[in-house]
Protein backbone atom coordinates (compact mmCIF):
# COMPACT_ATOMS: atom_id res chain seq x y z
CA MET A 1 -44.58 82.10 33.95
CA HIS A 2 -47.97 82.31 32.24
CA ASP A 3 -47.05 85.66 30.64
CA GLN A 4 -43.83 84.22 29.24
CA LEU A 5 -45.68 81.23 27.78
CA LEU A 6 -48.31 83.52 26.26
CA LYS A 7 -45.62 85.76 24.71
CA TYR A 8 -43.85 82.68 23.36
CA LYS A 9 -47.07 81.34 21.77
CA ILE A 10 -47.85 84.72 20.20
CA ALA A 11 -44.31 85.02 18.84
CA ILE A 12 -44.46 81.50 17.34
CA LYS A 13 -47.85 82.19 15.74
CA ALA A 14 -46.71 85.53 14.31
CA PHE A 15 -43.54 83.97 12.92
CA ALA A 16 -45.45 81.03 11.43
CA PHE A 17 -48.04 83.31 9.83
CA MET A 18 -45.33 85.53 8.33
CA ILE A 19 -43.39 82.56 6.92
CA PHE A 20 -46.52 80.86 5.62
CA THR A 21 -47.70 83.99 3.82
CA PHE A 22 -44.60 83.76 1.69
CA LEU A 23 -44.80 79.99 1.28
CA MET A 24 -47.92 79.29 -0.75
CA ALA A 25 -46.74 79.61 -4.29
CA ALA A 26 -46.38 75.92 -5.09
CA ILE A 27 -44.24 73.80 -7.45
CA PHE A 28 -43.13 70.26 -8.19
CA ALA A 29 -39.62 69.12 -9.26
CA THR A 30 -37.40 66.12 -8.65
CA VAL A 31 -34.01 67.45 -9.73
CA LEU A 32 -31.78 69.34 -7.30
CA MET A 33 -29.61 70.90 -9.97
CA SER A 34 -30.55 73.42 -12.68
CA LEU A 35 -33.77 72.65 -14.51
CA THR A 36 -36.43 74.24 -16.63
CA ALA A 37 -40.12 74.00 -15.74
CA MET A 38 -42.54 74.26 -18.62
CA ALA A 39 -46.35 74.43 -18.50
CA ASP A 40 -48.31 72.66 -21.22
CA THR A 41 -51.12 74.37 -23.14
CA ASP A 42 -54.10 72.69 -21.42
CA SER A 43 -53.04 73.01 -17.79
CA PHE A 44 -49.95 73.38 -15.66
CA ALA A 45 -49.46 69.61 -15.41
CA VAL A 46 -46.46 68.12 -17.21
CA ASN A 47 -46.22 64.38 -17.87
CA GLY A 48 -49.04 63.79 -15.38
CA GLU A 49 -47.36 65.75 -12.57
CA GLU A 50 -49.67 68.45 -11.14
CA TRP A 51 -46.91 70.64 -9.66
CA PRO A 52 -43.86 70.49 -11.94
CA GLY A 53 -41.11 73.04 -11.50
CA PHE A 54 -40.97 76.14 -9.35
CA TRP A 55 -43.99 78.34 -8.62
CA PHE A 56 -44.00 82.03 -7.76
CA THR A 57 -46.74 84.29 -6.44
CA CYS A 58 -48.18 86.73 -8.97
CA GLU A 59 -46.75 90.14 -8.03
CA PHE A 60 -49.92 92.12 -8.68
CA ALA A 61 -52.42 89.77 -7.02
CA GLN A 62 -54.08 90.84 -3.79
CA ARG A 63 -55.35 88.84 -0.82
CA GLN A 64 -58.72 87.99 -2.41
CA ARG A 65 -58.27 89.31 -5.94
CA PRO A 66 -56.42 87.80 -8.91
CA PRO A 67 -53.61 89.65 -10.67
CA ASP A 68 -54.55 92.31 -13.21
CA ASP A 69 -51.52 91.53 -15.42
CA GLU A 70 -52.26 87.80 -16.04
CA CYS A 71 -49.29 87.01 -13.77
CA LYS A 72 -46.67 88.42 -16.13
CA MET A 73 -44.76 89.83 -13.16
CA LEU A 74 -43.76 87.33 -10.45
CA ASP A 75 -42.94 88.00 -6.81
CA ASP A 76 -39.42 87.03 -5.74
CA GLU A 77 -40.83 84.43 -3.33
CA GLY A 78 -42.47 81.14 -4.14
CA PHE A 79 -42.64 77.38 -3.56
CA GLN A 80 -41.56 74.00 -4.71
CA LEU A 81 -43.74 70.99 -4.01
CA ALA A 82 -41.57 67.94 -4.53
CA GLU A 83 -40.54 64.66 -2.97
CA GLY A 84 -43.21 64.92 -0.26
CA ARG A 85 -41.90 68.28 0.99
CA LEU A 86 -43.00 71.89 0.70
CA ARG A 87 -40.02 74.17 0.11
CA TYR A 88 -39.96 77.94 0.27
CA ILE A 89 -37.93 79.45 -2.57
CA ARG A 90 -36.59 82.93 -3.17
CA MET A 91 -35.22 84.43 -6.35
CA ILE A 92 -31.77 85.92 -5.77
CA GLY A 93 -30.41 89.04 -7.45
CA SER A 94 -33.44 90.66 -9.09
CA THR A 95 -32.89 94.22 -10.33
CA GLU A 96 -36.49 94.72 -11.49
CA THR A 97 -37.91 98.16 -10.66
CA ALA A 98 -41.54 97.65 -11.79
CA CYS A 99 -42.56 95.84 -8.59
CA ARG A 100 -45.53 96.69 -6.37
CA SER A 101 -44.88 99.94 -4.47
CA ASN A 102 -41.78 100.46 -6.66
CA LYS A 103 -39.70 98.19 -4.44
CA LYS A 104 -36.62 97.36 -6.50
CA GLY A 105 -35.63 93.71 -6.69
CA GLN A 106 -38.72 92.21 -5.06
CA CYS A 107 -40.18 90.84 -8.30
CA PHE A 108 -39.14 89.71 -11.77
CA SER A 109 -40.70 89.26 -15.20
CA SER A 110 -42.10 85.79 -15.92
CA GLY A 111 -40.17 85.99 -19.21
CA THR A 112 -36.76 86.21 -17.51
CA PRO A 113 -34.72 83.44 -19.18
CA ALA A 114 -32.79 82.23 -16.11
CA ILE A 115 -32.77 82.89 -12.38
CA ARG A 116 -30.94 81.76 -9.25
CA ILE A 117 -32.88 80.70 -6.16
CA SER A 118 -32.34 79.68 -2.57
CA ARG A 119 -34.71 77.24 -0.93
CA THR A 120 -35.66 76.13 2.57
CA ASP A 121 -37.66 73.09 3.66
CA ARG A 122 -41.01 74.01 5.24
CA GLY A 123 -42.63 70.71 6.09
CA LYS A 124 -44.38 67.54 5.02
CA LEU A 125 -46.57 67.67 1.93
CA THR A 126 -49.35 65.36 0.76
CA LEU A 127 -50.65 65.93 -2.77
CA GLY A 128 -54.20 65.01 -3.74
CA LYS A 129 -56.57 65.66 -6.61
CA ASN A 130 -57.44 69.39 -6.57
CA GLN A 131 -56.03 69.72 -3.05
CA PHE A 132 -52.89 69.33 -1.02
CA LYS A 133 -52.04 69.17 2.68
CA VAL A 134 -49.17 70.86 4.49
CA ARG A 135 -48.06 69.77 7.96
CA TYR A 136 -46.37 72.71 9.64
CA PHE A 137 -45.91 73.54 13.34
CA GLY A 138 -47.85 70.41 14.31
CA CYS A 139 -50.99 71.31 12.35
CA THR A 140 -52.09 69.92 8.96
CA GLN A 141 -53.76 72.45 6.66
CA VAL A 142 -55.79 71.49 3.59
CA PHE A 143 -55.54 73.77 0.55
CA TYR A 144 -57.63 73.53 -2.60
CA PHE A 145 -56.57 74.70 -6.04
CA ASP A 146 -58.03 75.48 -9.44
CA ASP A 147 -56.37 76.46 -12.70
CA THR A 148 -57.03 79.38 -15.00
CA PRO A 149 -55.18 79.76 -18.32
CA LYS A 150 -52.55 82.05 -16.77
CA TYR A 151 -52.25 81.10 -13.08
CA ARG A 152 -53.34 78.65 -10.39
CA GLU A 153 -55.54 79.83 -7.53
CA ILE A 154 -55.07 78.31 -4.06
CA TRP A 155 -57.27 78.76 -0.99
CA PRO A 156 -57.35 77.19 2.48
CA ASP A 157 -60.07 74.91 3.81
CA LYS A 158 -62.50 76.71 6.14
CA LYS A 159 -61.00 74.76 9.02
CA ARG A 160 -57.68 76.57 9.29
CA CYS A 161 -54.51 76.01 11.27
CA PHE A 162 -53.41 78.91 13.45
CA TRP A 163 -50.78 79.84 10.86
CA ALA A 164 -53.13 79.82 7.85
CA SER A 165 -54.94 82.98 6.78
CA LYS A 166 -58.06 83.32 4.64
CA ARG A 167 -55.85 84.64 1.86
CA ARG A 168 -56.12 83.24 -1.64
CA PHE A 169 -52.86 82.73 -3.50
CA TYR A 170 -52.43 83.29 -7.21
CA ILE A 171 -49.34 81.54 -8.48
CA ALA A 172 -47.71 80.57 -11.77
CA PRO A 173 -44.89 78.24 -12.74
CA TYR A 174 -41.63 79.85 -13.76
CA LYS A 175 -40.72 78.63 -17.26
CA GLY A 176 -37.03 79.56 -17.45
CA GLU A 177 -33.90 77.91 -16.12
CA ILE A 178 -33.38 77.63 -12.38
CA THR A 179 -30.07 77.35 -10.57
CA ILE A 180 -30.37 76.37 -6.91
CA VAL A 181 -27.62 78.07 -4.94
CA LYS A 182 -28.48 76.80 -1.45
């Protein structure tokens, strides 16, 4: 019985870590239909909202190192932070070949005029000034963020949930049109 419980806990933690790794590109939007997210010139805030639109991880960032292309190439996975919820998003139908490790379709250019995405709810979200909290699998994780001219950097608080890694995320808002397909 103990072995089964231990295997179950390990499986849950592995699954949560894998999902979370893909979840920390953050965004803010209030419309469920097609919309365009634009970043202003001073920061990524629009009309006072810190997380407008849809955010994707910079394709050429590494776990503790920012992207070397100023986030011109975006990963096909990202986030939306809206309406008190964190949502995982995924770009559908990329044919890009210039992705990390030459994996076709797993990234797209930030200049792509329009994309289609799917999205999945990933938990309760609380936004604060220069931080946000995500409640996932019964644990609330604090993340801090700071802006650079080309991307936003996110890192977890030192006190981490079991599903949170030490990884820093480098994300940028997508500026084209978005169609949500599911």
